[in-house]
Amino acid sequence: MSEAKKRLRVTPPKIKFQAYNLMERAVSEGVAYGVRHAHKHTEKPGHEIIIERVTSAVMSSLGEIMDFDA
């Protein structure tokens, strides 16, 4: 390989994600959305509705940053 071709070779940067921070953000956003959604149509939703909405929103938020099919 010629010297010119060696200089043109570019190695991609190594990217390291902070998994804890990504997951914490996703869970936090999911909880906030779930609570808002639970209170959307009623002022005092039942405990089960709140849990259902928060769980659904958290899993949806995590699904945006993680692949559960692997």
PDB file of N, CA and C in Angstrom:
ATOM      1  N   MET A   1       0.857  -1.170   0.000  1.00  0.00           N
ATOM      2  CA  MET A   1       0.000   0.000   0.000  1.00  0.00           C
ATOM      3  C   MET A   1       0.903   1.232   0.000  1.00  0.00           C
ATOM      4  N   SER A   2       0.554   2.183  -0.830  1.00  0.00           N
ATOM      5  CA  SER A   2       1.385   3.378  -0.939  1.00  0.00           C
ATOM      6  C   SER A   2       1.217   4.260   0.298  1.00  0.00           C
ATOM      7  N   GLU A   3       2.167   5.126   0.491  1.00  0.00           N
ATOM      8  CA  GLU A   3       2.147   6.034   1.647  1.00  0.00           C
ATOM      9  C   GLU A   3       0.934   6.965   1.601  1.00  0.00           C
ATOM     10  N   ALA A   4       0.530   7.398   0.423  1.00  0.00           N
ATOM     11  CA  ALA A   4      -0.627   8.292   0.279  1.00  0.00           C
ATOM     12  C   ALA A   4      -1.912   7.585   0.716  1.00  0.00           C
ATOM     13  N   LYS A   5      -2.065   6.316   0.351  1.00  0.00           N
ATOM     14  CA  LYS A   5      -3.264   5.569   0.740  1.00  0.00           C
ATOM     15  C   LYS A   5      -3.294   5.324   2.245  1.00  0.00           C
ATOM     16  N   LYS A   6      -2.137   5.108   2.844  1.00  0.00           N
ATOM     17  CA  LYS A   6      -2.081   4.899   4.289  1.00  0.00           C
ATOM     18  C   LYS A   6      -2.554   6.145   5.037  1.00  0.00           C
ATOM     19  N   ARG A   7      -2.199   7.306   4.524  1.00  0.00           N
ATOM     20  CA  ARG A   7      -2.605   8.554   5.180  1.00  0.00           C
ATOM     21  C   ARG A   7      -4.099   8.821   5.025  1.00  0.00           C
ATOM     22  N   LEU A   8      -4.723   8.294   3.987  1.00  0.00           N
ATOM     23  CA  LEU A   8      -6.143   8.521   3.754  1.00  0.00           C
ATOM     24  C   LEU A   8      -7.035   7.609   4.593  1.00  0.00           C
ATOM     25  N   ARG A   9      -6.472   6.565   5.126  1.00  0.00           N
ATOM     26  CA  ARG A   9      -7.256   5.631   5.931  1.00  0.00           C
ATOM     27  C   ARG A   9      -7.676   6.312   7.239  1.00  0.00           C
ATOM     28  N   VAL A  10      -8.960   6.303   7.481  1.00  0.00           N
ATOM     29  CA  VAL A  10      -9.490   6.946   8.679  1.00  0.00           C
ATOM     30  C   VAL A  10     -10.152   5.883   9.545  1.00  0.00           C
ATOM     31  N   THR A  11      -9.805   5.873  10.793  1.00  0.00           N
ATOM     32  CA  THR A  11     -10.453   4.934  11.704  1.00  0.00           C
ATOM     33  C   THR A  11     -11.596   5.666  12.406  1.00  0.00           C
ATOM     34  N   PRO A  12     -12.741   5.020  12.479  1.00  0.00           N
ATOM     35  CA  PRO A  12     -13.876   5.681  13.129  1.00  0.00           C
ATOM     36  C   PRO A  12     -13.618   5.843  14.628  1.00  0.00           C
ATOM     37  N   PRO A  13     -14.153   6.900  15.206  1.00  0.00           N
ATOM     38  CA  PRO A  13     -13.944   7.097  16.644  1.00  0.00           C
ATOM     39  C   PRO A  13     -14.716   6.050  17.444  1.00  0.00           C
ATOM     40  N   LYS A  14     -14.194   5.715  18.585  1.00  0.00           N
ATOM     41  CA  LYS A  14     -14.894   4.785  19.470  1.00  0.00           C
ATOM     42  C   LYS A  14     -15.872   5.588  20.313  1.00  0.00           C
ATOM     43  N   ILE A  15     -17.105   5.149  20.311  1.00  0.00           N
ATOM     44  CA  ILE A  15     -18.145   5.843  21.063  1.00  0.00           C
ATOM     45  C   ILE A  15     -18.576   4.949  22.215  1.00  0.00           C
ATOM     46  N   LYS A  16     -18.616   5.522  23.384  1.00  0.00           N
ATOM     47  CA  LYS A  16     -19.016   4.782  24.570  1.00  0.00           C
ATOM     48  C   LYS A  16     -20.227   5.496  25.179  1.00  0.00           C
ATOM     49  N   PHE A  17     -21.321   4.770  25.305  1.00  0.00           N
ATOM     50  CA  PHE A  17     -22.535   5.355  25.852  1.00  0.00           C
ATOM     51  C   PHE A  17     -22.586   5.149  27.359  1.00  0.00           C
ATOM     52  N   GLN A  18     -23.167   6.090  28.035  1.00  0.00           N
ATOM     53  CA  GLN A  18     -23.359   5.983  29.474  1.00  0.00           C
ATOM     54  C   GLN A  18     -24.742   5.384  29.701  1.00  0.00           C
ATOM     55  N   ALA A  19     -24.784   4.069  29.782  1.00  0.00           N
ATOM     56  CA  ALA A  19     -26.051   3.340  29.841  1.00  0.00           C
ATOM     57  C   ALA A  19     -26.911   3.769  31.030  1.00  0.00           C
ATOM     58  N   TYR A  20     -26.297   3.942  32.180  1.00  0.00           N
ATOM     59  CA  TYR A  20     -27.070   4.324  33.368  1.00  0.00           C
ATOM     60  C   TYR A  20     -27.777   5.655  33.150  1.00  0.00           C
ATOM     61  N   ASN A  21     -27.052   6.628  32.603  1.00  0.00           N
ATOM     62  CA  ASN A  21     -27.643   7.948  32.371  1.00  0.00           C
ATOM     63  C   ASN A  21     -28.762   7.889  31.335  1.00  0.00           C
ATOM     64  N   LEU A  22     -28.563   7.109  30.281  1.00  0.00           N
ATOM     65  CA  LEU A  22     -29.605   6.967  29.262  1.00  0.00           C
ATOM     66  C   LEU A  22     -30.860   6.324  29.843  1.00  0.00           C
ATOM     67  N   MET A  23     -30.664   5.279  30.631  1.00  0.00           N
ATOM     68  CA  MET A  23     -31.812   4.589  31.219  1.00  0.00           C
ATOM     69  C   MET A  23     -32.503   5.465  32.260  1.00  0.00           C
ATOM     70  N   GLU A  24     -31.728   6.181  33.045  1.00  0.00           N
ATOM     71  CA  GLU A  24     -32.313   7.070  34.055  1.00  0.00           C
ATOM     72  C   GLU A  24     -33.179   8.143  33.391  1.00  0.00           C
ATOM     73  N   ARG A  25     -32.682   8.701  32.308  1.00  0.00           N
ATOM     74  CA  ARG A  25     -33.446   9.720  31.593  1.00  0.00           C
ATOM     75  C   ARG A  25     -34.729   9.135  31.011  1.00  0.00           C
ATOM     76  N   ALA A  26     -34.623   7.953  30.415  1.00  0.00           N
ATOM     77  CA  ALA A  26     -35.795   7.312  29.820  1.00  0.00           C
ATOM     78  C   ALA A  26     -36.843   6.990  30.880  1.00  0.00           C
ATOM     79  N   VAL A  27     -36.407   6.484  32.024  1.00  0.00           N
ATOM     80  CA  VAL A  27     -37.348   6.152  33.099  1.00  0.00           C
ATOM     81  C   VAL A  27     -37.992   7.428  33.638  1.00  0.00           C
ATOM     82  N   SER A  28     -37.196   8.443  33.860  1.00  0.00           N
ATOM     83  CA  SER A  28     -37.711   9.707  34.385  1.00  0.00           C
ATOM     84  C   SER A  28     -38.741  10.323  33.437  1.00  0.00           C
ATOM     85  N   GLU A  29     -38.419  10.344  32.153  1.00  0.00           N
ATOM     86  CA  GLU A  29     -39.359  10.881  31.166  1.00  0.00           C
ATOM     87  C   GLU A  29     -40.617  10.026  31.091  1.00  0.00           C
ATOM     88  N   GLY A  30     -40.448   8.716  31.179  1.00  0.00           N
ATOM     89  CA  GLY A  30     -41.593   7.816  31.141  1.00  0.00           C
ATOM     90  C   GLY A  30     -42.512   8.000  32.333  1.00  0.00           C
ATOM     91  N   VAL A  31     -41.934   8.155  33.516  1.00  0.00           N
ATOM     92  CA  VAL A  31     -42.740   8.369  34.724  1.00  0.00           C
ATOM     93  C   VAL A  31     -43.518   9.676  34.609  1.00  0.00           C
ATOM     94  N   ALA A  32     -42.841  10.732  34.201  1.00  0.00           N
ATOM     95  CA  ALA A  32     -43.508  12.033  34.069  1.00  0.00           C
ATOM     96  C   ALA A  32     -44.658  11.956  33.065  1.00  0.00           C
ATOM     97  N   TYR A  33     -44.410  11.323  31.928  1.00  0.00           N
ATOM     98  CA  TYR A  33     -45.454  11.199  30.914  1.00  0.00           C
ATOM     99  C   TYR A  33     -46.605  10.338  31.426  1.00  0.00           C
ATOM    100  N   GLY A  34     -46.280   9.236  32.080  1.00  0.00           N
ATOM    101  CA  GLY A  34     -47.313   8.336  32.586  1.00  0.00           C
ATOM    102  C   GLY A  34     -48.215   8.999  33.611  1.00  0.00           C
ATOM    103  N   VAL A  35     -47.632   9.775  34.498  1.00  0.00           N
ATOM    104  CA  VAL A  35     -48.425  10.479  35.512  1.00  0.00           C
ATOM    105  C   VAL A  35     -49.333  11.509  34.843  1.00  0.00           C
ATOM    106  N   ARG A  36     -48.780  12.263  33.891  1.00  0.00           N
ATOM    107  CA  ARG A  36     -49.610  13.239  33.169  1.00  0.00           C
ATOM    108  C   ARG A  36     -50.746  12.539  32.428  1.00  0.00           C
ATOM    109  N   HIS A  37     -50.435  11.430  31.791  1.00  0.00           N
ATOM    110  CA  HIS A  37     -51.438  10.702  31.014  1.00  0.00           C
ATOM    111  C   HIS A  37     -52.523  10.120  31.923  1.00  0.00           C
ATOM    112  N   ALA A  38     -52.145   9.652  33.095  1.00  0.00           N
ATOM    113  CA  ALA A  38     -53.120   9.087  34.035  1.00  0.00           C
ATOM    114  C   ALA A  38     -54.102  10.151  34.513  1.00  0.00           C
ATOM    115  N   HIS A  39     -53.632  11.390  34.600  1.00  0.00           N
ATOM    116  CA  HIS A  39     -54.486  12.486  35.073  1.00  0.00           C
ATOM    117  C   HIS A  39     -55.143  13.256  33.928  1.00  0.00           C
ATOM    118  N   LYS A  40     -55.012  12.758  32.725  1.00  0.00           N
ATOM    119  CA  LYS A  40     -55.507  13.485  31.557  1.00  0.00           C
ATOM    120  C   LYS A  40     -57.028  13.654  31.561  1.00  0.00           C
ATOM    121  N   HIS A  41     -57.762  12.608  31.868  1.00  0.00           N
ATOM    122  CA  HIS A  41     -59.219  12.666  31.774  1.00  0.00           C
ATOM    123  C   HIS A  41     -59.920  12.674  33.123  1.00  0.00           C
ATOM    124  N   THR A  42     -59.167  12.512  34.181  1.00  0.00           N
ATOM    125  CA  THR A  42     -59.774  12.511  35.510  1.00  0.00           C
ATOM    126  C   THR A  42     -58.827  13.166  36.503  1.00  0.00           C
ATOM    127  N   GLU A  43     -59.395  13.876  37.440  1.00  0.00           N
ATOM    128  CA  GLU A  43     -58.582  14.590  38.412  1.00  0.00           C
ATOM    129  C   GLU A  43     -57.942  13.646  39.427  1.00  0.00           C
ATOM    130  N   LYS A  44     -58.670  12.586  39.788  1.00  0.00           N
ATOM    131  CA  LYS A  44     -58.165  11.637  40.782  1.00  0.00           C
ATOM    132  C   LYS A  44     -58.247  10.211  40.241  1.00  0.00           C
ATOM    133  N   PRO A  45     -57.275   9.818  39.413  1.00  0.00           N
ATOM    134  CA  PRO A  45     -57.296   8.448  38.889  1.00  0.00           C
ATOM    135  C   PRO A  45     -56.967   7.440  39.992  1.00  0.00           C
ATOM    136  N   GLY A  46     -57.441   6.229  39.819  1.00  0.00           N
ATOM    137  CA  GLY A  46     -57.158   5.178  40.784  1.00  0.00           C
ATOM    138  C   GLY A  46     -55.695   4.761  40.749  1.00  0.00           C
ATOM    139  N   HIS A  47     -55.280   4.136  41.825  1.00  0.00           N
ATOM    140  CA  HIS A  47     -53.897   3.680  41.968  1.00  0.00           C
ATOM    141  C   HIS A  47     -53.490   2.761  40.812  1.00  0.00           C
ATOM    142  N   GLU A  48     -54.378   1.854  40.439  1.00  0.00           N
ATOM    143  CA  GLU A  48     -54.077   0.896  39.368  1.00  0.00           C
ATOM    144  C   GLU A  48     -53.876   1.593  38.027  1.00  0.00           C
ATOM    145  N   ILE A  49     -54.694   2.605  37.758  1.00  0.00           N
ATOM    146  CA  ILE A  49     -54.567   3.348  36.493  1.00  0.00           C
ATOM    147  C   ILE A  49     -53.224   4.071  36.438  1.00  0.00           C
ATOM    148  N   ILE A  50     -52.843   4.685  37.539  1.00  0.00           N
ATOM    149  CA  ILE A  50     -51.559   5.397  37.575  1.00  0.00           C
ATOM    150  C   ILE A  50     -50.416   4.417  37.319  1.00  0.00           C
ATOM    151  N   ILE A  51     -50.434   3.287  38.008  1.00  0.00           N
ATOM    152  CA  ILE A  51     -49.375   2.288  37.824  1.00  0.00           C
ATOM    153  C   ILE A  51     -49.344   1.793  36.383  1.00  0.00           C
ATOM    154  N   GLU A  52     -50.501   1.516  35.824  1.00  0.00           N
ATOM    155  CA  GLU A  52     -50.578   1.035  34.441  1.00  0.00           C
ATOM    156  C   GLU A  52     -50.013   2.057  33.460  1.00  0.00           C
ATOM    157  N   ARG A  53     -50.411   3.310  33.609  1.00  0.00           N
ATOM    158  CA  ARG A  53     -49.954   4.360  32.686  1.00  0.00           C
ATOM    159  C   ARG A  53     -48.455   4.614  32.825  1.00  0.00           C
ATOM    160  N   VAL A  54     -47.973   4.646  34.063  1.00  0.00           N
ATOM    161  CA  VAL A  54     -46.544   4.891  34.288  1.00  0.00           C
ATOM    162  C   VAL A  54     -45.719   3.726  33.753  1.00  0.00           C
ATOM    163  N   THR A  55     -46.131   2.512  34.043  1.00  0.00           N
ATOM    164  CA  THR A  55     -45.404   1.337  33.551  1.00  0.00           C
ATOM    165  C   THR A  55     -45.353   1.326  32.032  1.00  0.00           C
ATOM    166  N   SER A  56     -46.476   1.576  31.408  1.00  0.00           N
ATOM    167  CA  SER A  56     -46.537   1.598  29.951  1.00  0.00           C
ATOM    168  C   SER A  56     -45.631   2.682  29.371  1.00  0.00           C
ATOM    169  N   ALA A  57     -45.667   3.859  29.959  1.00  0.00           N
ATOM    170  CA  ALA A  57     -44.854   4.971  29.457  1.00  0.00           C
ATOM    171  C   ALA A  57     -43.362   4.714  29.666  1.00  0.00           C
ATOM    172  N   VAL A  58     -43.001   4.139  30.799  1.00  0.00           N
ATOM    173  CA  VAL A  58     -41.588   3.836  31.065  1.00  0.00           C
ATOM    174  C   VAL A  58     -41.079   2.789  30.076  1.00  0.00           C
ATOM    175  N   MET A  59     -41.846   1.735  29.865  1.00  0.00           N
ATOM    176  CA  MET A  59     -41.418   0.698  28.926  1.00  0.00           C
ATOM    177  C   MET A  59     -41.322   1.253  27.506  1.00  0.00           C
ATOM    178  N   SER A  60     -42.237   2.118  27.140  1.00  0.00           N
ATOM    179  CA  SER A  60     -42.188   2.743  25.821  1.00  0.00           C
ATOM    180  C   SER A  60     -40.940   3.612  25.682  1.00  0.00           C
ATOM    181  N   SER A  61     -40.648   4.363  26.716  1.00  0.00           N
ATOM    182  CA  SER A  61     -39.470   5.224  26.702  1.00  0.00           C
ATOM    183  C   SER A  61     -38.185   4.398  26.634  1.00  0.00           C
ATOM    184  N   LEU A  62     -38.134   3.310  27.386  1.00  0.00           N
ATOM    185  CA  LEU A  62     -36.964   2.429  27.326  1.00  0.00           C
ATOM    186  C   LEU A  62     -36.857   1.764  25.957  1.00  0.00           C
ATOM    187  N   GLY A  63     -37.994   1.453  25.355  1.00  0.00           N
ATOM    188  CA  GLY A  63     -38.002   0.840  24.034  1.00  0.00           C
ATOM    189  C   GLY A  63     -37.412   1.736  22.957  1.00  0.00           C
ATOM    190  N   GLU A  64     -37.384   3.031  23.215  1.00  0.00           N
ATOM    191  CA  GLU A  64     -36.794   3.962  22.257  1.00  0.00           C
ATOM    192  C   GLU A  64     -35.268   3.920  22.276  1.00  0.00           C
ATOM    193  N   ILE A  65     -34.684   3.473  23.383  1.00  0.00           N
ATOM    194  CA  ILE A  65     -33.218   3.459  23.477  1.00  0.00           C
ATOM    195  C   ILE A  65     -32.642   2.054  23.561  1.00  0.00           C
ATOM    196  N   MET A  66     -33.508   1.046  23.710  1.00  0.00           N
ATOM    197  CA  MET A  66     -33.038  -0.336  23.848  1.00  0.00           C
ATOM    198  C   MET A  66     -33.759  -1.233  22.853  1.00  0.00           C
ATOM    199  N   ASP A  67     -33.097  -2.312  22.476  1.00  0.00           N
ATOM    200  CA  ASP A  67     -33.705  -3.299  21.594  1.00  0.00           C
ATOM    201  C   ASP A  67     -33.997  -4.543  22.421  1.00  0.00           C
ATOM    202  N   PHE A  68     -35.270  -4.814  22.657  1.00  0.00           N
ATOM    203  CA  PHE A  68     -35.660  -5.946  23.490  1.00  0.00           C
ATOM    204  C   PHE A  68     -35.727  -7.255  22.706  1.00  0.00           C
ATOM    205  N   ASP A  69     -35.540  -7.204  21.394  1.00  0.00           N
ATOM    206  CA  ASP A  69     -35.642  -8.400  20.562  1.00  0.00           C
ATOM    207  C   ASP A  69     -34.337  -9.183  20.487  1.00  0.00           C
ATOM    208  N   ALA A  70     -33.283  -8.637  21.000  1.00  0.00           N
ATOM    209  CA  ALA A  70     -31.961  -9.274  20.865  1.00  0.00           C
ATOM    210  C   ALA A  70     -31.836 -10.533  21.674  1.00  0.00           C
TER     211      ALA A  70
END
